[in-house]
Protein backbone atom coordinates (compact mmCIF):
# COMPACT_ATOMS: atom_id res chain seq x y z
CA MET A 1 -1.37 -12.31 -35.61
CA SER A 2 -3.48 -10.55 -32.88
CA ILE A 3 -1.56 -7.09 -32.80
CA GLU A 4 -0.84 -6.81 -36.64
CA PHE A 5 -3.24 -3.81 -36.66
CA LEU A 6 -1.20 -2.05 -33.92
CA LEU A 7 2.31 -2.89 -35.66
CA ARG A 8 0.78 -1.43 -38.88
CA THR A 9 0.00 1.73 -36.97
CA PHE A 10 3.80 1.47 -35.62
CA ARG A 11 5.33 1.16 -39.00
CA GLN A 12 3.24 4.08 -40.41
CA ASN A 13 4.11 6.56 -37.61
CA ALA A 14 7.89 5.20 -37.44
CA ASP A 15 9.68 8.44 -36.90
CA GLN A 16 6.79 9.80 -34.29
CA ASP A 17 6.72 10.08 -30.62
CA ALA A 18 5.33 6.69 -28.93
CA VAL A 19 6.69 6.89 -25.46
CA VAL A 20 8.18 9.37 -22.93
CA TRP A 21 9.74 7.76 -19.97
CA GLN A 22 11.88 9.78 -17.50
CA ASP A 23 11.55 12.79 -20.06
CA LYS A 24 13.27 10.72 -22.83
CA THR A 25 11.38 10.33 -25.93
CA HIS A 26 11.17 6.70 -27.81
CA SER A 27 9.91 6.59 -31.57
CA TYR A 28 7.63 4.07 -32.91
CA ASN A 29 10.66 2.84 -34.91
CA TRP A 30 12.17 2.01 -31.34
CA LEU A 31 9.16 0.40 -30.09
CA LEU A 32 9.10 -1.98 -33.09
CA ASP A 33 12.35 -3.12 -32.58
CA ARG A 34 11.91 -3.40 -29.16
CA VAL A 35 8.76 -5.74 -29.43
CA ASP A 36 11.03 -7.67 -31.65
CA TYR A 37 13.42 -7.92 -29.14
CA TRP A 38 11.15 -9.22 -26.44
CA ARG A 39 9.79 -11.73 -29.18
CA GLY A 40 13.24 -13.49 -29.30
CA THR A 41 13.53 -13.41 -25.47
CA LEU A 42 10.01 -15.06 -24.95
CA ARG A 43 11.17 -17.70 -27.39
CA GLU A 44 14.74 -18.18 -26.02
CA ASN A 45 12.78 -18.35 -22.72
CA GLU A 46 10.32 -20.88 -23.86
CA ILE A 47 7.63 -18.46 -22.92
CA SER A 48 4.73 -18.96 -25.77
CA SER A 49 1.12 -19.62 -26.06
CA GLY A 50 -0.49 -20.14 -22.51
CA THR A 51 1.75 -19.46 -20.60
CA VAL A 52 0.81 -17.60 -17.38
CA VAL A 53 2.92 -14.60 -16.93
CA ILE A 54 3.30 -12.19 -13.82
CA LEU A 55 4.42 -9.06 -15.28
CA GLU A 56 5.48 -6.62 -12.56
CA ALA A 57 5.89 -3.43 -13.89
CA ASP A 58 4.73 0.31 -14.35
CA PHE A 59 4.52 1.82 -17.56
CA SER A 60 7.68 2.25 -19.12
CA PRO A 61 9.27 1.49 -22.65
CA ASN A 62 9.88 -2.05 -21.85
CA ALA A 63 6.86 -2.63 -19.97
CA ILE A 64 4.81 -1.80 -23.20
CA ALA A 65 6.88 -3.58 -25.96
CA LEU A 66 6.82 -6.62 -23.36
CA PHE A 67 3.14 -6.50 -23.13
CA LEU A 68 2.53 -6.38 -26.83
CA ALA A 69 5.17 -9.16 -27.52
CA LEU A 70 3.24 -11.19 -24.76
CA ILE A 71 0.01 -10.63 -26.35
CA GLU A 72 1.31 -11.51 -29.69
CA SER A 73 2.49 -14.81 -28.25
CA ALA A 74 -1.01 -15.60 -26.96
CA SER A 75 0.43 -15.73 -23.34
CA ILE A 76 -1.58 -15.18 -20.48
CA VAL A 77 -0.35 -11.52 -18.97
CA VAL A 78 -1.30 -10.63 -15.42
CA PRO A 79 0.24 -7.18 -15.09
CA MET A 80 0.89 -6.11 -11.50
CA THR A 81 2.01 -2.77 -9.99
CA LEU A 82 3.08 -1.81 -6.18
CA ALA A 83 -0.32 -0.85 -5.86
CA VAL A 84 -1.11 -4.23 -5.04
CA GLY A 85 1.03 -4.24 -1.91
CA THR A 86 0.70 -7.13 0.38
CA LYS A 87 -1.68 -9.00 -1.41
CA ARG A 88 1.36 -9.60 -4.17
CA ASP A 89 1.64 -13.37 -3.11
CA GLU A 90 -2.02 -13.87 -3.35
CA PHE A 91 -2.73 -12.21 -6.46
CA VAL A 92 0.36 -14.75 -7.83
CA ASN A 93 -1.43 -17.87 -6.31
CA ILE A 94 -4.77 -17.00 -7.26
CA ALA A 95 -3.65 -16.28 -11.29
CA GLU A 96 -1.37 -19.74 -11.15
CA GLY A 97 1.50 -17.49 -12.08
CA GLU A 98 4.14 -19.87 -14.28
CA VAL A 99 6.45 -17.22 -15.06
CA CYS A 100 7.47 -13.68 -13.33
CA ILE A 101 8.93 -11.14 -15.26
CA THR A 102 9.98 -8.02 -13.18
CA LEU A 103 10.76 -4.81 -14.55
CA ASN A 104 12.97 -2.72 -12.21
CA GLU A 105 13.31 1.24 -11.72
CA TYR A 106 15.85 1.46 -14.57
CA ASP A 107 13.60 -0.96 -16.77
CA HIS A 108 15.92 -3.66 -16.56
CA ALA A 109 14.04 -7.46 -16.44
CA ASN A 110 14.53 -10.29 -14.52
CA ILE A 111 12.78 -13.42 -15.59
CA THR A 112 12.01 -16.13 -12.96
CA ARG A 113 10.05 -19.41 -13.35
CA LEU A 114 7.64 -20.15 -10.56
CA GLY A 115 7.66 -24.02 -10.59
CA ARG A 116 3.87 -24.44 -11.08
CA VAL A 117 1.52 -25.45 -13.93
CA ALA A 118 -1.38 -23.02 -14.43
CA SER A 119 -4.58 -25.45 -14.80
CA HIS A 120 -7.55 -23.38 -14.48
CA GLU A 121 -10.12 -24.66 -17.11
CA MET A 122 -10.69 -20.96 -18.48
CA PHE A 123 -6.55 -21.12 -19.22
CA GLU A 124 -7.19 -24.29 -20.79
CA ARG A 125 -9.76 -22.70 -23.10
CA LEU A 126 -7.68 -19.85 -24.10
CA ARG A 127 -4.75 -22.56 -24.63
CA PHE A 128 -7.18 -24.55 -27.26
CA LEU A 129 -8.18 -21.34 -29.25
CA HIS A 130 -4.54 -20.04 -29.22
CA HIS A 131 -5.88 -16.66 -27.73
CA PRO A 132 -3.79 -14.18 -25.58
CA GLY A 133 -5.53 -13.68 -22.23
CA LEU A 134 -5.39 -10.82 -19.53
CA VAL A 135 -6.12 -11.20 -15.99
CA LEU A 136 -6.92 -8.26 -13.85
CA PHE A 137 -7.68 -7.93 -10.31
CA SER A 138 -10.49 -5.52 -8.72
CA SER A 139 -9.18 -3.25 -6.10
CA GLY A 140 -10.97 -4.84 -3.37
CA SER A 141 -11.48 -1.37 -1.26
CA THR A 142 -14.53 -2.84 0.27
CA GLY A 143 -14.47 -6.48 -0.26
CA GLU A 144 -12.21 -9.52 -1.73
CA SER A 145 -10.41 -9.01 -4.73
CA LYS A 146 -11.40 -10.88 -7.67
CA ALA A 147 -9.43 -11.95 -10.68
CA ALA A 148 -11.32 -11.42 -14.17
CA LEU A 149 -9.97 -13.29 -17.26
CA HIS A 150 -10.06 -11.80 -20.24
CA ASP A 151 -9.78 -13.13 -24.19
CA MET A 152 -7.52 -10.02 -25.39
CA LEU A 153 -8.68 -10.73 -28.87
CA PHE A 154 -12.09 -9.34 -27.65
CA LEU A 155 -10.45 -6.40 -25.74
CA LEU A 156 -8.57 -5.36 -28.88
CA GLU A 157 -11.35 -5.40 -31.35
CA LYS A 158 -12.67 -1.66 -30.37
CA PHE A 159 -8.99 -0.23 -31.02
CA LYS A 160 -9.26 -1.27 -34.43
CA LEU A 161 -11.23 1.70 -35.36
CA PRO A 162 -9.26 4.63 -35.80
CA ARG A 163 -9.80 7.47 -33.58
CA HIS A 164 -7.86 10.93 -32.25
CA ARG A 165 -4.04 10.94 -32.06
CA LEU A 166 -3.46 12.29 -28.68
CA ARG A 167 -0.08 13.05 -26.31
CA THR A 168 -1.51 11.62 -23.13
CA ILE A 169 -0.56 10.99 -19.48
CA SER A 170 -0.29 7.43 -18.79
CA PHE A 171 -2.06 8.14 -14.97
CA LEU A 172 -4.33 5.16 -14.75
CA LEU A 173 -2.19 2.03 -13.55
CA TYR A 174 -0.55 -0.68 -15.73
CA ASP A 175 -2.38 -3.16 -14.20
CA HIS A 176 -5.89 -1.15 -14.25
CA ILE A 177 -8.64 -1.63 -16.72
CA GLY A 178 -8.41 2.07 -17.37
CA GLY A 179 -4.54 1.81 -17.85
CA ILE A 180 -4.50 -0.66 -20.47
CA ASN A 181 -7.16 1.12 -22.25
CA THR A 182 -5.08 4.42 -22.26
CA MET A 183 -2.04 2.56 -23.39
CA LEU A 184 -3.92 0.40 -26.34
CA TYR A 185 -5.76 3.60 -27.29
CA THR A 186 -3.18 5.88 -27.42
CA LEU A 187 -0.95 3.40 -29.61
CA SER A 188 -3.38 2.15 -31.97
CA ASN A 189 -3.82 5.90 -33.01
CA GLY A 190 -0.41 6.62 -33.48
CA GLY A 191 -0.23 9.16 -29.99
CA CYS A 192 2.15 9.52 -27.73
CA LEU A 193 2.25 7.64 -24.00
CA VAL A 194 3.71 10.36 -21.52
CA THR A 195 4.82 8.05 -18.36
CA VAL A 196 4.93 9.32 -15.04
CA GLN A 197 6.75 7.32 -12.18
CA ASP A 198 5.40 10.01 -9.10
CA ARG A 199 1.66 10.40 -9.46
CA SER A 200 1.33 13.63 -7.55
CA PRO A 201 -0.11 16.71 -8.71
CA ASP A 202 3.09 18.43 -9.27
CA SER A 203 4.87 15.67 -11.27
CA VAL A 204 1.68 15.01 -13.25
CA LEU A 205 1.18 18.56 -14.24
CA GLN A 206 4.75 19.33 -14.72
CA ALA A 207 4.58 16.35 -16.97
CA ILE A 208 1.49 18.06 -19.17
CA ASN A 209 3.79 21.16 -19.04
CA THR A 210 7.16 19.79 -20.40
CA HIS A 211 5.47 17.19 -23.10
CA ARG A 212 2.52 19.32 -24.13
CA VAL A 213 0.07 16.84 -23.09
CA GLN A 214 -3.50 16.97 -24.72
CA LEU A 215 -5.61 14.30 -22.36
CA LEU A 216 -5.15 13.28 -18.96
CA PRO A 217 -7.19 10.18 -17.77
CA THR A 218 -7.63 10.33 -14.02
CA SER A 219 -10.05 9.88 -11.17
CA PRO A 220 -12.24 12.65 -9.07
CA THR A 221 -9.89 12.26 -6.01
CA PHE A 222 -6.89 13.27 -8.21
CA ILE A 223 -8.94 16.38 -9.48
CA ASN A 224 -9.60 17.27 -6.10
CA LEU A 225 -5.95 16.89 -4.89
CA ILE A 226 -4.86 19.15 -8.00
CA LEU A 227 -7.32 21.64 -6.51
CA ILE A 228 -6.30 21.40 -2.69
CA SER A 229 -2.43 21.50 -4.09
CA GLU A 230 -2.86 24.44 -6.06
CA ALA A 231 -0.11 23.00 -8.43
CA TYR A 232 -2.43 24.27 -11.38
CA LYS A 233 -1.13 27.77 -10.65
CA ARG A 234 2.93 26.29 -11.13
CA TYR A 235 2.58 24.94 -14.62
CA ASN A 236 1.29 25.91 -18.12
CA LEU A 237 -1.36 24.02 -19.02
CA ASP A 238 -2.42 25.58 -22.14
CA SER A 239 -1.81 22.41 -24.25
CA LEU A 240 -4.60 20.33 -22.18
CA GLU A 241 -7.42 19.97 -23.96
CA THR A 242 -9.40 16.90 -22.36
CA ILE A 243 -9.50 15.36 -18.64
CA THR A 244 -11.51 11.94 -18.61
CA TYR A 245 -12.70 11.00 -15.22
CA GLY A 246 -14.12 7.85 -13.85
CA THR A 247 -13.21 4.81 -11.23
CA GLU A 248 -15.79 6.80 -8.73
CA PRO A 249 -18.70 9.09 -8.26
CA MET A 250 -17.35 12.74 -8.94
CA PRO A 251 -18.49 15.23 -6.19
CA GLU A 252 -20.71 17.93 -8.17
CA SER A 253 -18.70 20.78 -6.16
CA THR A 254 -15.54 19.15 -7.33
CA LEU A 255 -16.64 19.53 -11.03
CA ARG A 256 -18.09 22.76 -10.79
CA ARG A 257 -15.09 24.27 -9.27
CA PHE A 258 -12.33 23.11 -11.48
CA HIS A 259 -14.44 23.70 -14.50
CA GLN A 260 -14.73 27.62 -13.44
CA LEU A 261 -10.99 27.45 -13.24
CA PHE A 262 -10.71 25.85 -16.43
CA PRO A 263 -13.53 26.52 -18.86
CA GLY A 264 -11.43 25.45 -21.90
CA ILE A 265 -10.80 22.31 -20.72
CA ARG A 266 -13.25 19.32 -21.78
CA MET A 267 -14.40 17.14 -18.78
CA VAL A 268 -15.52 13.93 -20.08
CA GLN A 269 -16.78 11.28 -17.74
CA THR A 270 -16.00 7.48 -18.55
CA TYR A 271 -17.30 4.29 -17.34
CA GLY A 272 -15.78 0.86 -17.28
CA LEU A 273 -15.50 -2.07 -15.47
CA SER A 274 -12.42 -4.95 -14.92
CA GLU A 275 -15.07 -7.53 -16.09
CA ILE A 276 -16.36 -5.60 -19.48
CA GLY A 277 -13.77 -3.06 -20.12
CA ILE A 278 -14.35 0.69 -20.95
CA LEU A 279 -17.60 1.97 -22.39
CA ARG A 280 -17.40 4.91 -24.79
CA SER A 281 -19.11 7.83 -23.15
CA LYS A 282 -20.28 11.18 -23.87
CA SER A 283 -20.97 13.91 -21.00
CA LYS A 284 -24.17 16.22 -21.59
CA SER A 285 -21.55 19.16 -21.00
CA ALA A 286 -18.19 19.83 -19.31
CA ASP A 287 -19.63 20.98 -16.05
CA SER A 288 -22.65 18.03 -15.95
CA LEU A 289 -22.65 14.78 -14.17
CA TRP A 290 -25.04 13.39 -16.69
CA VAL A 291 -23.44 10.95 -19.39
CA LYS A 292 -24.22 8.56 -21.96
CA VAL A 293 -22.52 5.45 -22.04
CA GLY A 294 -22.41 2.59 -24.31
CA GLY A 295 -21.37 2.65 -27.98
CA GLU A 296 -20.62 -0.15 -30.04
CA GLY A 297 -20.01 -3.69 -28.86
CA PHE A 298 -22.15 -2.50 -25.41
CA GLU A 299 -25.70 -2.62 -24.35
CA THR A 300 -26.89 -0.94 -21.45
CA ARG A 301 -30.28 -1.16 -19.54
CA VAL A 302 -31.44 0.09 -15.82
CA VAL A 303 -33.09 -2.26 -13.88
CA ASP A 304 -34.69 -1.06 -10.59
CA GLY A 305 -32.26 1.96 -10.72
CA VAL A 306 -29.09 -0.17 -11.35
CA LEU A 307 -27.22 -0.17 -14.36
CA HIS A 308 -26.82 -3.47 -16.46
CA VAL A 309 -24.21 -3.93 -18.95
CA LYS A 310 -23.88 -6.58 -21.85
CA ALA A 311 -20.33 -6.03 -23.85
CA ASN A 312 -18.62 -8.09 -26.45
CA SER A 313 -15.54 -7.41 -24.58
CA ALA A 314 -16.89 -9.03 -21.33
CA MET A 315 -14.44 -11.09 -19.36
CA LEU A 316 -14.35 -15.10 -19.63
CA GLY A 317 -15.03 -15.30 -15.76
CA TYR A 318 -13.43 -14.73 -12.52
CA LEU A 319 -10.77 -16.96 -11.62
CA ASN A 320 -11.99 -17.47 -7.93
CA ALA A 321 -15.56 -16.44 -7.94
CA PRO A 322 -18.84 -17.49 -9.82
CA SER A 323 -19.76 -15.54 -12.67
CA PRO A 324 -21.88 -12.47 -12.28
CA PHE A 325 -23.21 -12.50 -15.82
CA THR A 326 -27.01 -13.57 -16.23
CA GLU A 327 -27.23 -16.55 -18.79
CA ASP A 328 -27.91 -13.82 -21.89
CA GLY A 329 -25.12 -12.26 -20.76
CA TRP A 330 -25.88 -9.26 -19.06
CA MET A 331 -23.93 -7.93 -15.69
CA ASN A 332 -25.20 -6.11 -12.58
CA THR A 333 -22.73 -3.53 -12.22
CA GLY A 334 -24.10 -2.65 -8.73
CA ASP A 335 -23.96 1.00 -9.57
CA ARG A 336 -27.17 3.20 -9.01
CA VAL A 337 -28.12 5.60 -11.64
CA GLU A 338 -30.70 8.14 -12.38
CA VAL A 339 -32.08 8.36 -15.97
CA GLU A 340 -32.86 11.26 -18.02
CA GLY A 341 -33.44 10.39 -21.67
CA ASP A 342 -30.25 8.79 -23.00
CA TYR A 343 -28.36 9.94 -20.10
CA VAL A 344 -27.73 8.65 -16.60
CA ARG A 345 -26.22 10.08 -13.59
CA PHE A 346 -24.35 7.96 -11.46
CA LEU A 347 -25.24 7.89 -7.67
CA GLY A 348 -22.92 5.29 -6.21
CA ARG A 349 -22.37 1.66 -5.66
CA GLN A 350 -25.44 -0.17 -4.26
CA SER A 351 -23.22 -1.52 -1.56
CA GLU A 352 -22.27 2.16 0.06
CA ILE A 353 -25.83 3.36 0.20
CA ILE A 354 -26.83 3.95 3.97
CA ASN A 355 -30.13 2.86 5.08
CA VAL A 356 -30.94 5.85 8.04
CA GLY A 357 -34.51 4.48 9.33
CA GLY A 358 -35.75 3.28 5.74
CA GLU A 359 -34.35 6.72 3.92
CA LYS A 360 -31.57 5.99 1.45
CA VAL A 361 -28.24 8.27 1.54
CA TYR A 362 -25.83 8.16 -0.88
CA PRO A 363 -22.38 9.22 0.29
CA ALA A 364 -21.42 10.86 -3.00
CA GLU A 365 -23.96 13.88 -2.47
CA ILE A 366 -22.86 14.41 1.32
CA GLU A 367 -19.45 14.42 -0.09
CA SER A 368 -20.20 16.96 -2.71
CA LEU A 369 -21.53 19.34 -0.11
CA ILE A 370 -18.82 18.88 2.58
CA TYR A 371 -16.38 19.75 -0.29
CA GLU A 372 -17.93 23.42 -0.38
CA PHE A 373 -17.17 23.71 3.11
CA ASP A 374 -14.10 25.94 3.83
CA ASN A 375 -11.09 23.93 5.33
CA VAL A 376 -11.91 20.49 4.00
CA ALA A 377 -9.07 18.76 1.82
CA GLU A 378 -10.62 15.24 1.76
CA VAL A 379 -13.95 13.70 2.84
CA THR A 380 -15.17 10.12 2.90
CA VAL A 381 -18.90 9.39 4.08
CA PHE A 382 -19.81 6.09 5.04
CA GLY A 383 -22.52 4.25 7.19
CA GLU A 384 -22.31 2.99 10.74
CA LYS A 385 -24.65 0.37 12.15
CA ASN A 386 -27.08 1.47 14.91
CA PRO A 387 -29.59 -0.18 16.82
CA ILE A 388 -32.57 2.57 16.37
CA THR A 389 -32.02 3.78 13.04
CA GLY A 390 -30.28 0.71 11.39
CA SER A 391 -27.44 2.95 10.27
CA ILE A 392 -25.89 6.50 10.85
CA VAL A 393 -24.27 8.97 8.66
CA CYS A 394 -20.58 9.30 9.45
CA ALA A 395 -18.31 11.53 8.00
CA LYS A 396 -14.06 11.30 7.63
CA VAL A 397 -12.41 14.60 6.92
CA ASN A 398 -8.80 15.54 6.37
CA LEU A 399 -8.39 19.36 7.14
CA THR A 400 -6.45 21.84 4.49
CA HIS A 401 -4.82 23.31 7.67
CA ASP A 402 -4.98 22.74 11.53
CA GLU A 403 -7.57 24.29 13.87
CA ASP A 404 -9.46 23.59 16.80
CA HIS A 405 -11.47 20.20 15.88
CA LYS A 406 -14.31 20.67 18.06
CA LEU A 407 -14.81 24.19 16.62
CA PHE A 408 -14.59 22.65 13.05
CA VAL A 409 -16.98 20.00 13.74
CA LYS A 410 -19.60 22.28 15.34
CA ARG A 411 -19.47 24.80 12.31
CA LEU A 412 -19.36 21.70 9.88
CA LEU A 413 -22.57 20.03 11.25
CA GLU A 414 -24.20 23.67 11.45
CA PHE A 415 -23.22 24.16 7.73
CA CYS A 416 -24.84 20.61 6.99
CA ARG A 417 -28.32 21.27 8.72
CA GLN A 418 -29.17 24.19 6.90
CA ARG A 419 -28.40 22.17 3.67
CA LEU A 420 -29.71 18.78 4.14
CA GLN A 421 -32.52 16.88 5.42
CA ASN A 422 -32.14 15.59 9.06
CA TYR A 423 -31.28 12.14 8.41
CA LYS A 424 -28.57 13.06 5.90
CA VAL A 425 -26.70 15.10 8.28
CA PRO A 426 -23.31 13.27 9.73
CA VAL A 427 -24.18 11.94 13.31
CA LYS A 428 -20.24 11.53 13.96
CA VAL A 429 -17.39 13.35 12.26
CA ILE A 430 -13.89 12.15 12.47
CA ILE A 431 -10.77 14.16 11.88
CA ALA A 432 -8.20 12.30 10.20
CA ALA A 433 -4.57 12.76 9.05
CA GLU A 434 -4.01 9.78 7.08
CA GLN A 435 -4.96 9.85 3.12
CA GLN A 436 -8.45 8.53 2.32
CA HIS A 437 -7.32 7.19 -1.22
CA SER A 438 -5.64 4.17 -2.18
CA PRO A 439 -2.42 3.89 -4.53
CA ARG A 440 -5.04 4.15 -7.26
CA PHE A 441 -6.37 7.45 -6.59
CA LYS A 442 -9.95 5.84 -5.61
CA LYS A 443 -11.42 6.69 -2.32
CA VAL A 444 -10.99 3.93 0.16
CA ARG A 445 -14.46 3.19 1.30
CA ARG A 446 -15.42 1.83 4.98
CA ARG A 447 -17.69 -1.45 5.24
CA GLU A 448 -20.45 -1.03 8.05
């Protein structure tokens, strides 16, 4: 049974807190009963091995129990949240969804048959093996979304080794590799998953305060929002021991400022992709962007400044694109890195590099500097095509409070010229009102 090791942990911790949802706590005994309830419901609805199930939900008690029951039944699970927005129907079609289970705001389920028979050859492979599957869509923030299909048995393997029992916020989304990782890590160690319906700085920090949360897995964008909002001044965060951050490059200035405010909180950079899962990581120090990545089940190498990864937990492939793996199983991640011994420092996506007259500009470096300038709430640096230099550097800035835009731009450019080489100084600065991150709290990059 694929989840027996999890159920064994649940039984050993029967009276302990498993899930907090809408400030109500559910024990592991309750979770066991609910998994059993969903076993029966799946049987009644003839949802069994190989059925492709669209699971529309966010983290909730039933969403967790149902996910586990579907994995146990060897179904192929396609989690989706409201973050997919207008792409919902497109994703359902790409995944060849056969059944849709929607959990509403009250955690009540609606089950619908979609009148389709999924026939992708990779689904057939899982059905032959009687293995559960998981389909995850990339965010597609700078391109088309790809559907990665995993054999869940390989993803589950790393959670069989006991680790730390922690009270953890389910910040990363239910349909995100980081969110799935958070859920499985927490439950496999008998920890408590504290769910949040509203992922604003105040709501998340209030949940940490109320439920004595020890671990917050999040993104650099959200850490910046905590700083801008000053929500940390309104709540007691004494229980918070560790913040893990990933999904995008961390501006060094943001990390430095947060560490200065909270020297007692351990900051750990994480790394993972929908295609390969989450690697184990170890930051050189709480205020350092240098990190070791890898661990059991993963191999890494750097080729021409780009990180390559080979993983036991690698996906079977994309449902809607060619395989990105070499014949011997290596994946070119597209992430440019610097190397110092066993440590790497992420510079940014290769696709995001701005080529200015032959010189490479990394947006994260410019963003980190601009965050040091006063009255900057959020900034995104991107390239724009130019007939003379190939590209120019542009910066889109949200102000903390309104001021004369021309004067702000003049001050900002003077600040940049004093600290950057000429080709790195933004040629164009746009003052924006709309937020610059997705519902996944990841910076939305503009393509040239």
